């Protein structure tokens, strides 16, 4: 839609593709954030790497003083 001139999009930098007529403008707001989710199987073994990644996310949230919320979804 952006390339067609009918919209604007907010995307992570890693999702940006060079397209004629489009340009990437980084946000200069340290308080800007995005919500992400983690999906994992119930009662499934969590590897050391898995646990370390979850701990990394928790620490990042604490540093930014943003609450880390867990939402259980039935599948």
PDB file of N, CA and C in Angstrom:
ATOM      1  N   UNK A   1       0.828  -1.192   0.000  1.00  0.00           N
ATOM      2  CA  UNK A   1       0.000   0.000   0.000  1.00  0.00           C
ATOM      3  C   UNK A   1       0.877   1.262   0.000  1.00  0.00           C
ATOM      4  N   UNK A   2       2.010   1.184   0.691  1.00  0.00           N
ATOM      5  CA  UNK A   2       2.893   2.348   0.719  1.00  0.00           C
ATOM      6  C   UNK A   2       3.407   2.645  -0.678  1.00  0.00           C
ATOM      7  N   UNK A   3       3.888   1.622  -1.363  1.00  0.00           N
ATOM      8  CA  UNK A   3       4.423   1.814  -2.714  1.00  0.00           C
ATOM      9  C   UNK A   3       3.360   2.319  -3.677  1.00  0.00           C
ATOM     10  N   UNK A   4       2.106   1.962  -3.434  1.00  0.00           N
ATOM     11  CA  UNK A   4       1.010   2.413  -4.297  1.00  0.00           C
ATOM     12  C   UNK A   4       0.555   3.824  -3.949  1.00  0.00           C
ATOM     13  N   UNK A   5       1.118   4.396  -2.857  1.00  0.00           N
ATOM     14  CA  UNK A   5       0.747   5.760  -2.477  1.00  0.00           C
ATOM     15  C   UNK A   5      -0.547   5.842  -1.696  1.00  0.00           C
ATOM     16  N   UNK A   6      -0.995   4.716  -1.143  1.00  0.00           N
ATOM     17  CA  UNK A   6      -2.271   4.723  -0.424  1.00  0.00           C
ATOM     18  C   UNK A   6      -2.131   4.472   1.071  1.00  0.00           C
ATOM     19  N   UNK A   7      -0.903   4.529   1.590  1.00  0.00           N
ATOM     20  CA  UNK A   7      -0.773   4.287   3.019  1.00  0.00           C
ATOM     21  C   UNK A   7       0.607   4.529   3.544  1.00  0.00           C
ATOM     22  N   UNK A   8       0.706   4.339   4.831  1.00  0.00           N
ATOM     23  CA  UNK A   8       1.968   4.428   5.548  1.00  0.00           C
ATOM     24  C   UNK A   8       2.037   3.197   6.439  1.00  0.00           C
ATOM     25  N   UNK A   9       3.219   2.753   6.777  1.00  0.00           N
ATOM     26  CA  UNK A   9       3.332   1.538   7.577  1.00  0.00           C
ATOM     27  C   UNK A   9       4.417   1.701   8.627  1.00  0.00           C
ATOM     28  N   UNK A  10       4.182   1.137   9.787  1.00  0.00           N
ATOM     29  CA  UNK A  10       5.189   1.091  10.837  1.00  0.00           C
ATOM     30  C   UNK A  10       5.635  -0.360  10.934  1.00  0.00           C
ATOM     31  N   UNK A  11       6.905  -0.585  10.633  1.00  0.00           N
ATOM     32  CA  UNK A  11       7.445  -1.945  10.613  1.00  0.00           C
ATOM     33  C   UNK A  11       8.821  -1.948  11.272  1.00  0.00           C
ATOM     34  N   UNK A  12       9.258  -3.107  11.760  1.00  0.00           N
ATOM     35  CA  UNK A  12      10.623  -3.181  12.278  1.00  0.00           C
ATOM     36  C   UNK A  12      11.619  -3.026  11.134  1.00  0.00           C
ATOM     37  N   UNK A  13      12.778  -2.472  11.443  1.00  0.00           N
ATOM     38  CA  UNK A  13      13.776  -2.221  10.409  1.00  0.00           C
ATOM     39  C   UNK A  13      14.134  -3.478   9.623  1.00  0.00           C
ATOM     40  N   UNK A  14      14.134  -4.630  10.310  1.00  0.00           N
ATOM     41  CA  UNK A  14      14.505  -5.867   9.620  1.00  0.00           C
ATOM     42  C   UNK A  14      13.482  -6.279   8.555  1.00  0.00           C
ATOM     43  N   UNK A  15      12.279  -5.697   8.579  1.00  0.00           N
ATOM     44  CA  UNK A  15      11.249  -6.044   7.605  1.00  0.00           C
ATOM     45  C   UNK A  15      11.230  -5.091   6.413  1.00  0.00           C
ATOM     46  N   UNK A  16      12.103  -4.107   6.408  1.00  0.00           N
ATOM     47  CA  UNK A  16      12.096  -3.098   5.352  1.00  0.00           C
ATOM     48  C   UNK A  16      12.742  -3.646   4.083  1.00  0.00           C
ATOM     49  N   UNK A  17      12.043  -3.483   2.988  1.00  0.00           N
ATOM     50  CA  UNK A  17      12.570  -3.846   1.672  1.00  0.00           C
ATOM     51  C   UNK A  17      12.700  -2.562   0.863  1.00  0.00           C
ATOM     52  N   UNK A  18      13.791  -2.440   0.125  1.00  0.00           N
ATOM     53  CA  UNK A  18      13.943  -1.256  -0.715  1.00  0.00           C
ATOM     54  C   UNK A  18      12.954  -1.328  -1.872  1.00  0.00           C
ATOM     55  N   UNK A  19      12.166  -0.285  -1.984  1.00  0.00           N
ATOM     56  CA  UNK A  19      11.196  -0.195  -3.085  1.00  0.00           C
ATOM     57  C   UNK A  19      11.226   1.214  -3.631  1.00  0.00           C
ATOM     58  N   UNK A  20      11.097   1.322  -4.927  1.00  0.00           N
ATOM     59  CA  UNK A  20      11.098   2.636  -5.570  1.00  0.00           C
ATOM     60  C   UNK A  20       9.946   3.473  -5.033  1.00  0.00           C
ATOM     61  N   UNK A  21      10.256   4.712  -4.660  1.00  0.00           N
ATOM     62  CA  UNK A  21       9.234   5.621  -4.168  1.00  0.00           C
ATOM     63  C   UNK A  21       8.973   5.512  -2.678  1.00  0.00           C
ATOM     64  N   UNK A  22       9.641   4.594  -2.001  1.00  0.00           N
ATOM     65  CA  UNK A  22       9.449   4.415  -0.556  1.00  0.00           C
ATOM     66  C   UNK A  22      10.748   4.747   0.163  1.00  0.00           C
ATOM     67  N   UNK A  23      10.610   5.193   1.400  1.00  0.00           N
ATOM     68  CA  UNK A  23      11.806   5.384   2.201  1.00  0.00           C
ATOM     69  C   UNK A  23      11.516   4.988   3.641  1.00  0.00           C
ATOM     70  N   UNK A  24      12.562   4.560   4.309  1.00  0.00           N
ATOM     71  CA  UNK A  24      12.473   4.144   5.695  1.00  0.00           C
ATOM     72  C   UNK A  24      12.882   5.315   6.575  1.00  0.00           C
ATOM     73  N   UNK A  25      12.032   5.677   7.513  1.00  0.00           N
ATOM     74  CA  UNK A  25      12.316   6.765   8.441  1.00  0.00           C
ATOM     75  C   UNK A  25      12.308   6.176   9.850  1.00  0.00           C
ATOM     76  N   UNK A  26      13.490   6.069  10.481  1.00  0.00           N
ATOM     77  CA  UNK A  26      13.523   5.472  11.815  1.00  0.00           C
ATOM     78  C   UNK A  26      12.813   6.347  12.850  1.00  0.00           C
ATOM     79  N   UNK A  27      12.163   5.702  13.798  1.00  0.00           N
ATOM     80  CA  UNK A  27      11.533   6.430  14.892  1.00  0.00           C
ATOM     81  C   UNK A  27      12.622   6.854  15.870  1.00  0.00           C
ATOM     82  N   UNK A  28      12.583   8.088  16.299  1.00  0.00           N
ATOM     83  CA  UNK A  28      13.590   8.600  17.226  1.00  0.00           C
ATOM     84  C   UNK A  28      12.999   8.758  18.613  1.00  0.00           C
ATOM     85  N   UNK A  29      12.147   7.826  18.998  1.00  0.00           N
ATOM     86  CA  UNK A  29      11.457   7.888  20.280  1.00  0.00           C
ATOM     87  C   UNK A  29      11.860   6.677  21.113  1.00  0.00           C
ATOM     88  N   UNK A  30      12.639   6.924  22.175  1.00  0.00           N
ATOM     89  CA  UNK A  30      13.097   5.819  23.012  1.00  0.00           C
ATOM     90  C   UNK A  30      11.959   5.110  23.722  1.00  0.00           C
ATOM     91  N   UNK A  31      10.809   5.761  23.834  1.00  0.00           N
ATOM     92  CA  UNK A  31       9.690   5.117  24.518  1.00  0.00           C
ATOM     93  C   UNK A  31       8.830   4.287  23.564  1.00  0.00           C
ATOM     94  N   UNK A  32       9.168   4.308  22.280  1.00  0.00           N
ATOM     95  CA  UNK A  32       8.423   3.493  21.319  1.00  0.00           C
ATOM     96  C   UNK A  32       8.724   2.017  21.578  1.00  0.00           C
ATOM     97  N   UNK A  33       7.726   1.203  21.514  1.00  0.00           N
ATOM     98  CA  UNK A  33       7.921  -0.219  21.729  1.00  0.00           C
ATOM     99  C   UNK A  33       6.917  -0.990  20.899  1.00  0.00           C
ATOM    100  N   UNK A  34       7.093  -2.269  20.843  1.00  0.00           N
ATOM    101  CA  UNK A  34       6.128  -3.115  20.158  1.00  0.00           C
ATOM    102  C   UNK A  34       5.847  -4.316  21.022  1.00  0.00           C
ATOM    103  N   UNK A  35       4.658  -4.788  20.932  1.00  0.00           N
ATOM    104  CA  UNK A  35       4.237  -5.961  21.696  1.00  0.00           C
ATOM    105  C   UNK A  35       4.576  -7.204  20.895  1.00  0.00           C
ATOM    106  N   UNK A  36       5.184  -8.148  21.551  1.00  0.00           N
ATOM    107  CA  UNK A  36       5.497  -9.422  20.909  1.00  0.00           C
ATOM    108  C   UNK A  36       4.908 -10.532  21.751  1.00  0.00           C
ATOM    109  N   UNK A  37       4.764 -11.668  21.169  1.00  0.00           N
ATOM    110  CA  UNK A  37       4.213 -12.798  21.889  1.00  0.00           C
ATOM    111  C   UNK A  37       5.106 -14.017  21.769  1.00  0.00           C
ATOM    112  N   UNK A  38       4.988 -14.865  22.739  1.00  0.00           N
ATOM    113  CA  UNK A  38       5.708 -16.128  22.724  1.00  0.00           C
ATOM    114  C   UNK A  38       4.664 -17.227  22.791  1.00  0.00           C
ATOM    115  N   UNK A  39       4.773 -18.167  21.896  1.00  0.00           N
ATOM    116  CA  UNK A  39       3.854 -19.297  21.883  1.00  0.00           C
ATOM    117  C   UNK A  39       4.669 -20.533  22.233  1.00  0.00           C
ATOM    118  N   UNK A  40       4.184 -21.251  23.217  1.00  0.00           N
ATOM    119  CA  UNK A  40       4.881 -22.473  23.596  1.00  0.00           C
ATOM    120  C   UNK A  40       3.868 -23.544  23.958  1.00  0.00           C
ATOM    121  N   UNK A  41       4.257 -24.766  23.788  1.00  0.00           N
ATOM    122  CA  UNK A  41       3.380 -25.877  24.099  1.00  0.00           C
ATOM    123  C   UNK A  41       3.280 -26.055  25.609  1.00  0.00           C
ATOM    124  N   UNK A  42       2.072 -26.318  26.064  1.00  0.00           N
ATOM    125  CA  UNK A  42       1.854 -26.594  27.473  1.00  0.00           C
ATOM    126  C   UNK A  42       2.578 -27.884  27.864  1.00  0.00           C
ATOM    127  N   UNK A  43       3.189 -27.869  29.027  1.00  0.00           N
ATOM    128  CA  UNK A  43       3.849 -29.036  29.574  1.00  0.00           C
ATOM    129  C   UNK A  43       4.884 -29.623  28.616  1.00  0.00           C
ATOM    130  N   UNK A  44       5.555 -28.745  27.891  1.00  0.00           N
ATOM    131  CA  UNK A  44       6.595 -29.177  26.969  1.00  0.00           C
ATOM    132  C   UNK A  44       7.942 -28.821  27.578  1.00  0.00           C
ATOM    133  N   UNK A  45       8.923 -29.661  27.392  1.00  0.00           N
ATOM    134  CA  UNK A  45      10.255 -29.432  27.942  1.00  0.00           C
ATOM    135  C   UNK A  45      10.815 -28.094  27.464  1.00  0.00           C
ATOM    136  N   UNK A  46      11.321 -27.296  28.387  1.00  0.00           N
ATOM    137  CA  UNK A  46      11.964 -26.022  28.038  1.00  0.00           C
ATOM    138  C   UNK A  46      13.468 -26.198  28.145  1.00  0.00           C
ATOM    139  N   UNK A  47      14.145 -26.008  27.054  1.00  0.00           N
ATOM    140  CA  UNK A  47      15.599 -26.159  27.030  1.00  0.00           C
ATOM    141  C   UNK A  47      16.263 -25.017  27.801  1.00  0.00           C
ATOM    142  N   UNK A  48      17.542 -25.179  28.050  1.00  0.00           N
ATOM    143  CA  UNK A  48      18.314 -24.127  28.722  1.00  0.00           C
ATOM    144  C   UNK A  48      18.278 -22.837  27.900  1.00  0.00           C
ATOM    145  N   UNK A  49      18.379 -22.965  26.595  1.00  0.00           N
ATOM    146  CA  UNK A  49      18.332 -21.790  25.718  1.00  0.00           C
ATOM    147  C   UNK A  49      16.960 -21.122  25.800  1.00  0.00           C
ATOM    148  N   UNK A  50      15.913 -21.923  25.822  1.00  0.00           N
ATOM    149  CA  UNK A  50      14.542 -21.406  25.925  1.00  0.00           C
ATOM    150  C   UNK A  50      14.385 -20.605  27.218  1.00  0.00           C
ATOM    151  N   UNK A  51      14.812 -21.199  28.328  1.00  0.00           N
ATOM    152  CA  UNK A  51      14.704 -20.507  29.618  1.00  0.00           C
ATOM    153  C   UNK A  51      15.548 -19.238  29.648  1.00  0.00           C
ATOM    154  N   UNK A  52      16.733 -19.280  29.054  1.00  0.00           N
ATOM    155  CA  UNK A  52      17.606 -18.099  29.010  1.00  0.00           C
ATOM    156  C   UNK A  52      16.966 -16.981  28.192  1.00  0.00           C
ATOM    157  N   UNK A  53      16.317 -17.350  27.093  1.00  0.00           N
ATOM    158  CA  UNK A  53      15.647 -16.342  26.266  1.00  0.00           C
ATOM    159  C   UNK A  53      14.507 -15.678  27.027  1.00  0.00           C
ATOM    160  N   UNK A  54      13.695 -16.469  27.724  1.00  0.00           N
ATOM    161  CA  UNK A  54      12.600 -15.903  28.515  1.00  0.00           C
ATOM    162  C   UNK A  54      13.142 -14.983  29.612  1.00  0.00           C
ATOM    163  N   UNK A  55      14.237 -15.372  30.245  1.00  0.00           N
ATOM    164  CA  UNK A  55      14.847 -14.537  31.280  1.00  0.00           C
ATOM    165  C   UNK A  55      15.376 -13.231  30.682  1.00  0.00           C
ATOM    166  N   UNK A  56      15.952 -13.311  29.495  1.00  0.00           N
ATOM    167  CA  UNK A  56      16.429 -12.113  28.798  1.00  0.00           C
ATOM    168  C   UNK A  56      15.272 -11.142  28.545  1.00  0.00           C
ATOM    169  N   UNK A  57      14.141 -11.660  28.125  1.00  0.00           N
ATOM    170  CA  UNK A  57      12.970 -10.811  27.902  1.00  0.00           C
ATOM    171  C   UNK A  57      12.505 -10.175  29.204  1.00  0.00           C
ATOM    172  N   UNK A  58      12.479 -10.956  30.273  1.00  0.00           N
ATOM    173  CA  UNK A  58      12.063 -10.426  31.576  1.00  0.00           C
ATOM    174  C   UNK A  58      12.980  -9.292  32.024  1.00  0.00           C
ATOM    175  N   UNK A  59      14.286  -9.487  31.879  1.00  0.00           N
ATOM    176  CA  UNK A  59      15.243  -8.460  32.295  1.00  0.00           C
ATOM    177  C   UNK A  59      15.088  -7.191  31.463  1.00  0.00           C
ATOM    178  N   UNK A  60      14.852  -7.345  30.170  1.00  0.00           N
ATOM    179  CA  UNK A  60      14.641  -6.183  29.311  1.00  0.00           C
ATOM    180  C   UNK A  60      13.414  -5.395  29.730  1.00  0.00           C
ATOM    181  N   UNK A  61      12.365  -6.100  30.106  1.00  0.00           N
ATOM    182  CA  UNK A  61      11.143  -5.442  30.560  1.00  0.00           C
ATOM    183  C   UNK A  61      11.394  -4.694  31.860  1.00  0.00           C
ATOM    184  N   UNK A  62      12.130  -5.309  32.777  1.00  0.00           N
ATOM    185  CA  UNK A  62      12.417  -4.660  34.055  1.00  0.00           C
ATOM    186  C   UNK A  62      13.238  -3.391  33.853  1.00  0.00           C
ATOM    187  N   UNK A  63      14.196  -3.419  32.935  1.00  0.00           N
ATOM    188  CA  UNK A  63      15.037  -2.247  32.671  1.00  0.00           C
ATOM    189  C   UNK A  63      14.217  -1.097  32.101  1.00  0.00           C
ATOM    190  N   UNK A  64      13.203  -1.411  31.332  1.00  0.00           N
ATOM    191  CA  UNK A  64      12.358  -0.373  30.735  1.00  0.00           C
ATOM    192  C   UNK A  64      11.165  -0.033  31.618  1.00  0.00           C
ATOM    193  N   UNK A  65      11.056  -0.718  32.747  1.00  0.00           N
ATOM    194  CA  UNK A  65       9.947  -0.511  33.683  1.00  0.00           C
ATOM    195  C   UNK A  65       8.596  -0.724  32.996  1.00  0.00           C
ATOM    196  N   UNK A  66       8.534  -1.753  32.167  1.00  0.00           N
ATOM    197  CA  UNK A  66       7.304  -2.122  31.462  1.00  0.00           C
ATOM    198  C   UNK A  66       6.893  -3.491  31.981  1.00  0.00           C
ATOM    199  N   UNK A  67       5.658  -3.636  32.426  1.00  0.00           N
ATOM    200  CA  UNK A  67       5.262  -4.936  32.977  1.00  0.00           C
ATOM    201  C   UNK A  67       5.259  -6.029  31.918  1.00  0.00           C
ATOM    202  N   UNK A  68       5.720  -7.194  32.308  1.00  0.00           N
ATOM    203  CA  UNK A  68       5.691  -8.367  31.445  1.00  0.00           C
ATOM    204  C   UNK A  68       4.428  -9.135  31.781  1.00  0.00           C
ATOM    205  N   UNK A  69       3.551  -9.281  30.803  1.00  0.00           N
ATOM    206  CA  UNK A  69       2.271  -9.942  31.050  1.00  0.00           C
ATOM    207  C   UNK A  69       2.223 -11.260  30.297  1.00  0.00           C
ATOM    208  N   UNK A  70       1.649 -12.219  30.950  1.00  0.00           N
ATOM    209  CA  UNK A  70       1.446 -13.521  30.328  1.00  0.00           C
ATOM    210  C   UNK A  70      -0.033 -13.732  30.116  1.00  0.00           C
ATOM    211  N   UNK A  71      -0.401 -14.172  28.949  1.00  0.00           N
ATOM    212  CA  UNK A  71      -1.800 -14.426  28.640  1.00  0.00           C
ATOM    213  C   UNK A  71      -1.914 -15.858  28.150  1.00  0.00           C
ATOM    214  N   UNK A  72      -2.702 -16.620  28.815  1.00  0.00           N
ATOM    215  CA  UNK A  72      -2.901 -18.013  28.401  1.00  0.00           C
ATOM    216  C   UNK A  72      -4.040 -18.062  27.373  1.00  0.00           C
ATOM    217  N   UNK A  73      -3.781 -18.745  26.298  1.00  0.00           N
ATOM    218  CA  UNK A  73      -4.770 -18.866  25.223  1.00  0.00           C
ATOM    219  C   UNK A  73      -5.028 -20.342  24.981  1.00  0.00           C
ATOM    220  N   UNK A  74      -6.279 -20.711  24.961  1.00  0.00           N
ATOM    221  CA  UNK A  74      -6.633 -22.103  24.666  1.00  0.00           C
ATOM    222  C   UNK A  74      -6.519 -22.355  23.179  1.00  0.00           C
ATOM    223  N   UNK A  75      -5.912 -23.474  22.834  1.00  0.00           N
ATOM    224  CA  UNK A  75      -5.752 -23.811  21.422  1.00  0.00           C
ATOM    225  C   UNK A  75      -6.534 -25.052  21.112  1.00  0.00           C
TER     226      UNK A  75
END
